[in-house]
C-alpha atoms as a PDB file:
ATOM      1  CA  MET A   1      56.227  33.676  64.211  1.00  0.00           C
ATOM      2  CA  ARG A   2      54.623  35.364  67.468  1.00  0.00           C
ATOM      3  CA  LEU A   3      54.066  38.790  66.672  1.00  0.00           C
ATOM      4  CA  VAL A   4      53.128  41.597  68.937  1.00  0.00           C
ATOM      5  CA  PHE A   5      51.355  44.534  66.637  1.00  0.00           C
ATOM      6  CA  MET A   6      51.866  48.149  67.432  1.00  0.00           C
ATOM      7  CA  VAL A   7      49.253  50.027  65.513  1.00  0.00           C
ATOM      8  CA  THR A   8      46.301  52.693  65.618  1.00  0.00           C
ATOM      9  CA  GLY A   9      45.512  54.641  62.480  1.00  0.00           C
ATOM     10  CA  GLN A  10      42.890  53.834  60.286  1.00  0.00           C
ATOM     11  CA  ILE A  11      45.308  52.874  57.846  1.00  0.00           C
ATOM     12  CA  SER A  12      46.432  50.014  59.904  1.00  0.00           C
ATOM     13  CA  GLU A  13      43.040  48.678  60.291  1.00  0.00           C
ATOM     14  CA  ALA A  14      43.170  45.702  57.201  1.00  0.00           C
ATOM     15  CA  THR A  15      46.716  45.044  57.832  1.00  0.00           C
ATOM     16  CA  PHE A  16      45.857  43.900  61.355  1.00  0.00           C
ATOM     17  CA  SER A  17      43.004  42.240  60.489  1.00  0.00           C
ATOM     18  CA  ASP A  18      44.784  40.053  58.012  1.00  0.00           C
ATOM     19  CA  ALA A  19      47.731  39.074  60.253  1.00  0.00           C
ATOM     20  CA  LEU A  20      44.803  37.688  62.949  1.00  0.00           C
ATOM     21  CA  THR A  21      43.855  35.023  60.216  1.00  0.00           C
ATOM     22  CA  ASN A  22      47.689  34.157  58.397  1.00  0.00           C
ATOM     23  CA  GLU A  23      49.868  31.500  59.617  1.00  0.00           C
ATOM     24  CA  HIS A  24      51.651  33.557  62.489  1.00  0.00           C
ATOM     25  CA  GLU A  25      50.553  33.942  66.076  1.00  0.00           C
ATOM     26  CA  VAL A  26      49.517  37.436  67.155  1.00  0.00           C
ATOM     27  CA  VAL A  27      50.457  37.410  70.962  1.00  0.00           C
ATOM     28  CA  GLY A  28      49.481  41.284  71.564  1.00  0.00           C
ATOM     29  CA  LEU A  29      48.179  44.189  70.485  1.00  0.00           C
ATOM     30  CA  VAL A  30      49.581  47.819  71.656  1.00  0.00           C
ATOM     31  CA  THR A  31      47.122  50.883  70.575  1.00  0.00           C
ATOM     32  CA  GLN A  32      46.697  54.834  71.541  1.00  0.00           C
ATOM     33  CA  PRO A  33      44.194  55.248  74.759  1.00  0.00           C
ATOM     34  CA  ASP A  34      40.360  55.723  73.945  1.00  0.00           C
ATOM     35  CA  ARG A  35      40.201  59.409  72.988  1.00  0.00           C
ATOM     36  CA  PRO A  36      37.220  61.617  72.759  1.00  0.00           C
ATOM     37  CA  VAL A  37      35.761  62.418  69.367  1.00  0.00           C
ATOM     38  CA  GLY A  38      33.434  64.804  67.692  1.00  0.00           C
ATOM     39  CA  ARG A  39      31.198  67.610  68.948  1.00  0.00           C
ATOM     40  CA  LYS A  40      29.985  65.400  71.910  1.00  0.00           C
ATOM     41  CA  GLN A  41      33.437  64.267  73.070  1.00  0.00           C
ATOM     42  CA  VAL A  42      32.255  60.399  73.550  1.00  0.00           C
ATOM     43  CA  MET A  43      35.536  58.659  74.291  1.00  0.00           C
ATOM     44  CA  THR A  44      36.237  56.165  71.289  1.00  0.00           C
ATOM     45  CA  ALA A  45      38.514  53.495  70.974  1.00  0.00           C
ATOM     46  CA  PRO A  46      40.752  52.713  68.252  1.00  0.00           C
ATOM     47  CA  LYS A  47      39.063  50.341  65.636  1.00  0.00           C
ATOM     48  CA  VAL A  48      41.858  47.930  65.874  1.00  0.00           C
ATOM     49  CA  LYS A  49      41.169  47.796  69.589  1.00  0.00           C
ATOM     50  CA  GLU A  50      37.832  46.286  68.881  1.00  0.00           C
ATOM     51  CA  ILE A  51      39.221  43.810  65.996  1.00  0.00           C
ATOM     52  CA  ALA A  52      42.019  42.666  68.659  1.00  0.00           C
ATOM     53  CA  LEU A  53      39.109  41.980  71.161  1.00  0.00           C
ATOM     54  CA  ASP A  54      37.042  40.405  69.045  1.00  0.00           C
ATOM     55  CA  ALA A  55      39.588  38.146  68.185  1.00  0.00           C
ATOM     56  CA  GLY A  56      41.025  37.503  71.827  1.00  0.00           C
ATOM     57  CA  VAL A  57      44.076  39.221  71.233  1.00  0.00           C
ATOM     58  CA  PRO A  58      45.150  41.167  74.747  1.00  0.00           C
ATOM     59  CA  VAL A  59      45.476  44.704  74.505  1.00  0.00           C
ATOM     60  CA  ILE A  60      47.229  47.447  76.071  1.00  0.00           C
ATOM     61  CA  GLN A  61      47.047  51.424  75.454  1.00  0.00           C
ATOM     62  CA  PRO A  62      49.526  53.246  77.479  1.00  0.00           C
ATOM     63  CA  GLU A  63      49.841  56.954  77.174  1.00  0.00           C
ATOM     64  CA  SER A  64      53.458  56.438  76.704  1.00  0.00           C
ATOM     65  CA  VAL A  65      55.101  53.017  75.444  1.00  0.00           C
ATOM     66  CA  ARG A  66      58.267  54.098  77.522  1.00  0.00           C
ATOM     67  CA  GLU A  67      55.971  53.494  80.685  1.00  0.00           C
ATOM     68  CA  PRO A  68      57.785  50.133  82.443  1.00  0.00           C
ATOM     69  CA  LYS A  69      54.206  48.791  82.889  1.00  0.00           C
ATOM     70  CA  ALA A  70      54.041  48.592  79.148  1.00  0.00           C
ATOM     71  CA  LEU A  71      57.560  47.372  78.554  1.00  0.00           C
ATOM     72  CA  ASP A  72      56.978  44.789  81.091  1.00  0.00           C
ATOM     73  CA  GLN A  73      53.797  43.366  79.470  1.00  0.00           C
ATOM     74  CA  ILE A  74      55.407  43.483  75.864  1.00  0.00           C
ATOM     75  CA  ARG A  75      58.333  41.513  77.061  1.00  0.00           C
ATOM     76  CA  GLN A  76      56.003  38.742  78.739  1.00  0.00           C
ATOM     77  CA  TRP A  77      54.380  38.411  75.472  1.00  0.00           C
ATOM     78  CA  ASP A  78      57.700  37.266  74.264  1.00  0.00           C
ATOM     79  CA  PRO A  79      57.507  38.263  70.542  1.00  0.00           C
ATOM     80  CA  GLU A  80      59.792  37.279  67.656  1.00  0.00           C
ATOM     81  CA  LEU A  81      58.873  40.135  65.369  1.00  0.00           C
ATOM     82  CA  ILE A  82      57.022  43.537  66.521  1.00  0.00           C
ATOM     83  CA  VAL A  83      54.883  45.433  63.709  1.00  0.00           C
ATOM     84  CA  VAL A  84      54.447  48.947  63.736  1.00  0.00           C
ATOM     85  CA  MET A  85      51.932  50.965  61.483  1.00  0.00           C
ATOM     86  CA  ALA A  86      50.954  54.342  62.406  1.00  0.00           C
ATOM     87  CA  TYR A  87      51.378  54.323  66.115  1.00  0.00           C
ATOM     88  CA  GLY A  88      52.587  57.882  66.372  1.00  0.00           C
ATOM     89  CA  GLN A  89      54.745  57.267  69.354  1.00  0.00           C
ATOM     90  CA  ILE A  90      58.929  57.359  68.931  1.00  0.00           C
ATOM     91  CA  LEU A  91      60.040  54.010  70.416  1.00  0.00           C
ATOM     92  CA  PRO A  92      62.593  53.822  73.393  1.00  0.00           C
ATOM     93  CA  GLN A  93      65.790  51.456  73.067  1.00  0.00           C
ATOM     94  CA  ALA A  94      64.545  49.384  75.866  1.00  0.00           C
ATOM     95  CA  LEU A  95      61.636  48.209  73.141  1.00  0.00           C
ATOM     96  CA  LEU A  96      63.649  47.678  70.448  1.00  0.00           C
ATOM     97  CA  ASP A  97      65.829  45.783  72.508  1.00  0.00           C
ATOM     98  CA  ILE A  98      62.371  43.408  73.275  1.00  0.00           C
ATOM     99  CA  PRO A  99      61.599  41.106  70.075  1.00  0.00           C
ATOM    100  CA  SER A 100      64.063  38.195  69.189  1.00  0.00           C
ATOM    101  CA  ARG A 101      64.273  38.866  65.398  1.00  0.00           C
ATOM    102  CA  ALA A 102      63.458  42.687  64.631  1.00  0.00           C
ATOM    103  CA  ILE A 103      60.750  45.423  65.060  1.00  0.00           C
ATOM    104  CA  ILE A 104      59.650  46.895  61.550  1.00  0.00           C
ATOM    105  CA  ASN A 105      57.618  49.697  60.291  1.00  0.00           C
ATOM    106  CA  LEU A 106      55.159  50.159  57.255  1.00  0.00           C
ATOM    107  CA  HIS A 107      55.563  53.853  56.124  1.00  0.00           C
ATOM    108  CA  ALA A 108      53.473  54.955  53.582  1.00  0.00           C
ATOM    109  CA  SER A 109      55.855  56.526  51.216  1.00  0.00           C
ATOM    110  CA  LEU A 110      58.794  55.235  48.609  1.00  0.00           C
ATOM    111  CA  LEU A 111      61.682  56.012  51.369  1.00  0.00           C
ATOM    112  CA  PRO A 112      64.130  58.016  51.953  1.00  0.00           C
ATOM    113  CA  LYS A 113      61.307  60.372  50.400  1.00  0.00           C
ATOM    114  CA  TYR A 114      58.687  61.857  52.565  1.00  0.00           C
ATOM    115  CA  ARG A 115      60.239  60.644  56.169  1.00  0.00           C
ATOM    116  CA  GLY A 116      57.496  61.995  58.827  1.00  0.00           C
ATOM    117  CA  ALA A 117      53.575  62.250  59.651  1.00  0.00           C
ATOM    118  CA  SER A 118      52.547  63.707  56.547  1.00  0.00           C
ATOM    119  CA  CYS A 119      53.642  61.519  53.767  1.00  0.00           C
ATOM    120  CA  ILE A 120      50.374  60.425  51.788  1.00  0.00           C
ATOM    121  CA  GLN A 121      49.602  64.349  51.438  1.00  0.00           C
ATOM    122  CA  ALA A 122      53.351  64.988  50.456  1.00  0.00           C
ATOM    123  CA  ALA A 123      53.363  63.247  47.354  1.00  0.00           C
ATOM    124  CA  LEU A 124      50.070  64.686  46.077  1.00  0.00           C
ATOM    125  CA  LYS A 125      51.178  68.102  47.126  1.00  0.00           C
ATOM    126  CA  ASN A 126      54.071  67.587  45.075  1.00  0.00           C
ATOM    127  CA  GLY A 127      52.733  66.086  42.089  1.00  0.00           C
ATOM    128  CA  ASP A 128      54.399  62.788  42.154  1.00  0.00           C
ATOM    129  CA  ALA A 129      53.341  59.851  39.934  1.00  0.00           C
ATOM    130  CA  GLU A 130      53.778  57.186  42.665  1.00  0.00           C
ATOM    131  CA  THR A 131      54.117  56.771  45.980  1.00  0.00           C
ATOM    132  CA  GLY A 132      53.509  53.420  48.031  1.00  0.00           C
ATOM    133  CA  TRP A 133      54.553  51.494  51.086  1.00  0.00           C
ATOM    134  CA  SER A 134      58.284  50.713  52.766  1.00  0.00           C
ATOM    135  CA  VAL A 135      58.962  48.231  55.347  1.00  0.00           C
ATOM    136  CA  ILE A 136      61.873  49.406  57.373  1.00  0.00           C
ATOM    137  CA  HIS A 137      64.180  48.123  60.527  1.00  0.00           C
ATOM    138  CA  VAL A 138      62.927  50.499  63.098  1.00  0.00           C
ATOM    139  CA  VAL A 139      65.658  52.219  65.117  1.00  0.00           C
ATOM    140  CA  LYS A 140      65.850  55.055  67.228  1.00  0.00           C
ATOM    141  CA  ARG A 141      66.010  57.995  64.357  1.00  0.00           C
ATOM    142  CA  LEU A 142      62.666  58.576  62.441  1.00  0.00           C
ATOM    143  CA  ASP A 143      61.909  56.511  59.680  1.00  0.00           C
ATOM    144  CA  SER A 144      65.922  56.274  58.813  1.00  0.00           C
ATOM    145  CA  GLY A 145      66.027  52.176  59.180  1.00  0.00           C
ATOM    146  CA  ASN A 146      67.284  49.777  56.738  1.00  0.00           C
ATOM    147  CA  ILE A 147      64.629  49.055  53.684  1.00  0.00           C
ATOM    148  CA  ILE A 148      63.154  45.515  53.559  1.00  0.00           C
ATOM    149  CA  LEU A 149      61.027  45.948  50.835  1.00  0.00           C
ATOM    150  CA  GLN A 150      59.305  48.584  48.996  1.00  0.00           C
ATOM    151  CA  LYS A 151      55.891  48.375  46.986  1.00  0.00           C
ATOM    152  CA  ALA A 152      55.537  51.170  44.281  1.00  0.00           C
ATOM    153  CA  ILE A 153      51.811  52.212  43.728  1.00  0.00           C
ATOM    154  CA  SER A 154      50.689  54.897  40.735  1.00  0.00           C
ATOM    155  CA  ILE A 155      48.706  58.032  41.928  1.00  0.00           C
ATOM    156  CA  LEU A 156      45.292  58.209  39.943  1.00  0.00           C
ATOM    157  CA  GLU A 157      44.839  61.261  38.282  1.00  0.00           C
ATOM    158  CA  GLY A 158      42.555  63.660  40.410  1.00  0.00           C
ATOM    159  CA  GLU A 159      43.249  61.441  43.464  1.00  0.00           C
ATOM    160  CA  THR A 160      42.824  63.074  47.010  1.00  0.00           C
ATOM    161  CA  GLY A 161      44.304  62.365  50.171  1.00  0.00           C
ATOM    162  CA  GLY A 162      41.801  60.571  51.464  1.00  0.00           C
ATOM    163  CA  GLU A 163      41.163  58.254  48.143  1.00  0.00           C
ATOM    164  CA  LEU A 164      45.105  57.402  48.653  1.00  0.00           C
ATOM    165  CA  HIS A 165      44.883  56.728  51.931  1.00  0.00           C
ATOM    166  CA  ASP A 166      42.133  54.191  51.270  1.00  0.00           C
ATOM    167  CA  ARG A 167      44.368  52.586  48.448  1.00  0.00           C
ATOM    168  CA  LEU A 168      47.349  52.189  50.415  1.00  0.00           C
ATOM    169  CA  ALA A 169      45.485  50.647  53.276  1.00  0.00           C
ATOM    170  CA  ASP A 170      43.885  48.211  51.045  1.00  0.00           C
ATOM    171  CA  ALA A 171      47.354  47.615  49.702  1.00  0.00           C
ATOM    172  CA  GLY A 172      48.921  47.156  53.293  1.00  0.00           C
ATOM    173  CA  PRO A 173      48.263  43.065  53.959  1.00  0.00           C
ATOM    174  CA  ALA A 174      50.036  41.903  50.968  1.00  0.00           C
ATOM    175  CA  VAL A 175      52.925  44.013  51.832  1.00  0.00           C
ATOM    176  CA  CYS A 176      53.145  42.873  55.307  1.00  0.00           C
ATOM    177  CA  ARG A 177      52.611  39.081  54.435  1.00  0.00           C
ATOM    178  CA  ALA A 178      55.161  39.676  52.134  1.00  0.00           C
ATOM    179  CA  ALA A 179      57.913  41.044  55.039  1.00  0.00           C
ATOM    180  CA  LEU A 180      56.661  38.553  57.274  1.00  0.00           C
ATOM    181  CA  GLU A 181      57.634  35.810  54.745  1.00  0.00           C
ATOM    182  CA  MET A 182      60.880  37.227  54.544  1.00  0.00           C
ATOM    183  CA  PHE A 183      61.391  36.880  58.178  1.00  0.00           C
ATOM    184  CA  LYS A 184      60.160  32.981  58.620  1.00  0.00           C
ATOM    185  CA  ASN A 185      63.929  32.125  58.348  1.00  0.00           C
ATOM    186  CA  GLY A 186      65.495  34.541  60.658  1.00  0.00           C
ATOM    187  CA  LEU A 187      66.911  37.927  60.160  1.00  0.00           C
ATOM    188  CA  VAL A 188      66.952  40.047  57.027  1.00  0.00           C
ATOM    189  CA  GLU A 189      69.565  43.015  57.066  1.00  0.00           C
ATOM    190  CA  GLY A 190      67.655  45.013  54.395  1.00  0.00           C
ATOM    191  CA  ASP A 191      69.183  48.161  52.581  1.00  0.00           C
ATOM    192  CA  TYR A 192      70.876  51.242  53.804  1.00  0.00           C
ATOM    193  CA  GLN A 193      68.564  54.240  52.834  1.00  0.00           C
ATOM    194  CA  ASN A 194      70.503  57.301  50.766  1.00  0.00           C
ATOM    195  CA  GLU A 195      70.564  59.693  53.719  1.00  0.00           C
ATOM    196  CA  SER A 196      71.437  62.513  50.390  1.00  0.00           C
ATOM    197  CA  THR A 197      68.091  62.221  49.249  1.00  0.00           C
ATOM    198  CA  GLN A 198      65.918  62.078  52.280  1.00  0.00           C
ATOM    199  CA  THR A 199      63.002  64.211  53.059  1.00  0.00           C
ATOM    200  CA  TYR A 200      61.101  64.994  56.232  1.00  0.00           C
ATOM    201  CA  VAL A 201      57.060  66.276  56.079  1.00  0.00           C
ATOM    202  CA  PRO A 202      55.909  66.776  59.961  1.00  0.00           C
ATOM    203  CA  LYS A 203      52.343  66.588  60.925  1.00  0.00           C
ATOM    204  CA  LEU A 204      49.671  68.896  59.286  1.00  0.00           C
ATOM    205  CA  GLY A 205      47.445  71.375  61.002  1.00  0.00           C
ATOM    206  CA  ARG A 206      44.881  73.648  59.611  1.00  0.00           C
ATOM    207  CA  LYS A 207      46.891  76.517  59.089  1.00  0.00           C
ATOM    208  CA  ASP A 208      48.908  74.346  56.487  1.00  0.00           C
ATOM    209  CA  GLY A 209      46.035  74.148  54.070  1.00  0.00           C
ATOM    210  CA  CYS A 210      45.578  78.032  53.694  1.00  0.00           C
ATOM    211  CA  LEU A 211      45.758  79.001  50.537  1.00  0.00           C
ATOM    212  CA  ASP A 212      48.548  81.317  48.664  1.00  0.00           C
ATOM    213  CA  TRP A 213      46.928  82.606  45.831  1.00  0.00           C
ATOM    214  CA  SER A 214      50.338  84.070  44.767  1.00  0.00           C
ATOM    215  CA  ARG A 215      51.089  80.329  44.183  1.00  0.00           C
ATOM    216  CA  PRO A 216      50.636  79.040  40.507  1.00  0.00           C
ATOM    217  CA  ALA A 217      47.597  77.341  40.057  1.00  0.00           C
ATOM    218  CA  ARG A 218      48.637  73.999  39.216  1.00  0.00           C
ATOM    219  CA  GLU A 219      50.405  73.908  42.785  1.00  0.00           C
ATOM    220  CA  LEU A 220      47.273  74.561  44.475  1.00  0.00           C
ATOM    221  CA  GLU A 221      45.104  72.310  42.643  1.00  0.00           C
ATOM    222  CA  CYS A 222      47.339  69.658  43.895  1.00  0.00           C
ATOM    223  CA  LEU A 223      47.203  71.182  47.382  1.00  0.00           C
ATOM    224  CA  VAL A 224      43.445  71.335  47.220  1.00  0.00           C
ATOM    225  CA  ARG A 225      43.360  67.364  46.482  1.00  0.00           C
ATOM    226  CA  ALA A 226      46.045  66.301  48.834  1.00  0.00           C
ATOM    227  CA  PHE A 227      44.457  67.928  51.741  1.00  0.00           C
ATOM    228  CA  HIS A 228      41.150  66.464  51.333  1.00  0.00           C
ATOM    229  CA  PRO A 229      39.586  65.709  53.902  1.00  0.00           C
ATOM    230  CA  TRP A 230      42.228  66.881  56.443  1.00  0.00           C
ATOM    231  CA  PRO A 231      43.409  69.456  57.141  1.00  0.00           C
ATOM    232  CA  GLY A 232      41.360  70.558  54.240  1.00  0.00           C
ATOM    233  CA  THR A 233      42.231  74.110  52.316  1.00  0.00           C
ATOM    234  CA  SER A 234      40.749  77.551  52.806  1.00  0.00           C
ATOM    235  CA  ALA A 235      41.182  81.100  51.511  1.00  0.00           C
ATOM    236  CA  GLY A 236      39.770  84.192  53.468  1.00  0.00           C
ATOM    237  CA  LEU A 237      36.720  85.846  52.171  1.00  0.00           C
ATOM    238  CA  GLY A 238      36.117  89.080  53.544  1.00  0.00           C
ATOM    239  CA  LEU A 239      36.159  88.676  57.253  1.00  0.00           C
ATOM    240  CA  LYS A 240      35.342  84.742  56.838  1.00  0.00           C
ATOM    241  CA  LYS A 241      37.155  82.113  55.578  1.00  0.00           C
ATOM    242  CA  MET A 242      35.811  79.575  52.950  1.00  0.00           C
ATOM    243  CA  LYS A 243      36.787  75.972  52.490  1.00  0.00           C
ATOM    244  CA  ILE A 244      37.597  74.850  49.031  1.00  0.00           C
ATOM    245  CA  PHE A 245      36.807  71.439  48.000  1.00  0.00           C
ATOM    246  CA  PRO A 246      38.243  69.285  45.222  1.00  0.00           C
ATOM    247  CA  PRO A 247      37.891  69.167  42.359  1.00  0.00           C
ATOM    248  CA  THR A 248      38.994  71.948  41.235  1.00  0.00           C
ATOM    249  CA  LYS A 249      40.175  72.910  37.905  1.00  0.00           C
ATOM    250  CA  ILE A 250      43.310  74.323  36.138  1.00  0.00           C
ATOM    251  CA  SER A 251      42.445  77.353  33.582  1.00  0.00           C
ATOM    252  CA  GLY A 252      44.536  79.695  31.697  1.00  0.00           C
ATOM    253  CA  GLY A 253      43.140  83.087  33.074  1.00  0.00           C
ATOM    254  CA  GLN A 254      44.787  86.146  34.547  1.00  0.00           C
ATOM    255  CA  GLY A 255      44.806  88.635  36.813  1.00  0.00           C
ATOM    256  CA  GLN A 256      46.002  89.874  40.352  1.00  0.00           C
ATOM    257  CA  PRO A 257      46.293  86.770  42.901  1.00  0.00           C
ATOM    258  CA  GLY A 258      42.886  85.854  44.443  1.00  0.00           C
ATOM    259  CA  GLU A 259      40.889  88.041  41.840  1.00  0.00           C
ATOM    260  CA  LEU A 260      37.648  86.851  40.762  1.00  0.00           C
ATOM    261  CA  LEU A 261      37.679  86.468  36.895  1.00  0.00           C
ATOM    262  CA  GLU A 262      34.586  84.779  36.048  1.00  0.00           C
ATOM    263  CA  VAL A 263      31.342  83.496  37.452  1.00  0.00           C
ATOM    264  CA  GLY A 264      29.828  80.581  35.843  1.00  0.00           C
ATOM    265  CA  GLU A 265      26.577  78.291  36.762  1.00  0.00           C
ATOM    266  CA  GLU A 266      28.170  76.306  39.167  1.00  0.00           C
ATOM    267  CA  THR A 267      31.684  77.824  39.471  1.00  0.00           C
ATOM    268  CA  ILE A 268      33.928  80.549  39.742  1.00  0.00           C
ATOM    269  CA  GLU A 269      37.211  81.433  38.308  1.00  0.00           C
ATOM    270  CA  ILE A 270      40.083  82.698  40.688  1.00  0.00           C
ATOM    271  CA  ALA A 271      43.141  84.103  39.411  1.00  0.00           C
ATOM    272  CA  CYS A 272      46.602  82.806  40.694  1.00  0.00           C
ATOM    273  CA  GLY A 273      50.195  83.564  40.426  1.00  0.00           C
ATOM    274  CA  SER A 274      50.283  82.075  37.528  1.00  0.00           C
ATOM    275  CA  GLY A 275      46.997  80.600  35.433  1.00  0.00           C
ATOM    276  CA  SER A 276      43.613  80.402  37.401  1.00  0.00           C
ATOM    277  CA  LEU A 277      41.804  78.102  39.503  1.00  0.00           C
ATOM    278  CA  ILE A 278      37.985  77.259  38.855  1.00  0.00           C
ATOM    279  CA  LEU A 279      36.214  76.280  42.194  1.00  0.00           C
ATOM    280  CA  CYS A 280      33.485  74.138  41.832  1.00  0.00           C
ATOM    281  CA  GLU A 281      32.308  73.282  45.523  1.00  0.00           C
ATOM    282  CA  VAL A 282      32.979  76.022  48.424  1.00  0.00           C
ATOM    283  CA  GLN A 283      31.728  76.530  52.125  1.00  0.00           C
ATOM    284  CA  LEU A 284      31.855  79.942  53.334  1.00  0.00           C
ATOM    285  CA  GLU A 285      32.237  79.723  57.599  1.00  0.00           C
ATOM    286  CA  GLY A 286      28.614  79.858  59.395  1.00  0.00           C
ATOM    287  CA  SER A 287      27.110  78.182  56.130  1.00  0.00           C
ATOM    288  CA  ARG A 288      26.527  75.048  53.897  1.00  0.00           C
ATOM    289  CA  ARG A 289      28.750  73.513  51.223  1.00  0.00           C
ATOM    290  CA  MET A 290      27.517  75.031  48.049  1.00  0.00           C
ATOM    291  CA  HIS A 291      28.333  75.223  44.142  1.00  0.00           C
ATOM    292  CA  GLY A 292      31.287  78.273  43.819  1.00  0.00           C
ATOM    293  CA  GLY A 293      28.278  79.776  41.318  1.00  0.00           C
ATOM    294  CA  GLU A 294      25.603  79.906  43.986  1.00  0.00           C
ATOM    295  CA  LEU A 295      27.946  81.512  46.514  1.00  0.00           C
ATOM    296  CA  ALA A 296      28.894  84.302  43.816  1.00  0.00           C
ATOM    297  CA  ARG A 297      25.027  84.969  43.681  1.00  0.00           C
ATOM    298  CA  GLY A 298      24.944  85.848  47.178  1.00  0.00           C
ATOM    299  CA  HIS A 299      28.158  87.256  48.025  1.00  0.00           C
ATOM    300  CA  LEU A 300      29.373  88.873  44.728  1.00  0.00           C
ATOM    301  CA  ASP A 301      30.840  92.237  46.183  1.00  0.00           C
ATOM    302  CA  MET A 302      32.701  89.963  48.418  1.00  0.00           C
ATOM    303  CA  LEU A 303      34.073  87.819  46.018  1.00  0.00           C
ATOM    304  CA  ARG A 304      35.291  91.199  43.768  1.00  0.00           C
ATOM    305  CA  ALA A 305      36.828  92.193  46.473  1.00  0.00           C
ATOM    306  CA  GLY A 306      39.657  89.374  46.055  1.00  0.00           C
ATOM    307  CA  LEU A 307      40.240  86.354  48.045  1.00  0.00           C
ATOM    308  CA  LYS A 308      43.075  86.195  50.567  1.00  0.00           C
END
């Protein structure tokens, strides 16, 4: 089949690379424009662009896929199937009408659970036992097309958002291959999603990582893991913010939410709404990353005043 890929994120790199080596013909890549990255704001291309150019695959990078020039180029590529993965734009009907077979999307959750951008973090935040890939038809409504196939993946004990992201990325090529195999002989209708059980998880920002110490310790432990490395978790300490890194440990200490309960050699224990959370690594605003016990030895009075 003639394939066009619409991908950008790191999670799509292995899947796109694999597609270049299988029996299908990748005739074009649509990816996001180069963006400034880092403190020096160096213009940086998506890694998939470099992979495509190295393989001789033509690339376009429209600001919006609704641009007539972009749509015309995709029509000229004449794809039978368009594969979307972490692209980051809503696709217009004019694009949905282009491929002769379908537009499919690889989404990193077991739909209809966790439609939207933060599906990996949501599974960890909520303490789920598993997540996985869903391959769906793309329709105008977000992540709501018929399910073509699903692949469940168990969530490991203590796993962070970054670690789960990488394991899902590793599983992507096999899932994509299986979906493409289903389309070799024609159209695949798929199964309707159960709308009564759908949930939506929006894009995250740094404010989402501010810990509320009135919540149970177990909930906060899940949140710290889920939001590492992005958007990270933090708490107020005096007039500064303090970043909190995994691992954290759940304990049974009792006190006012945010209260310092105990200082260990390398840890501090903070009271939560129920139970307590032992913090191992932290970073006070304007300082370096350090063990919790080291922070306490330098800022004990601030800690005794409580985290906010």
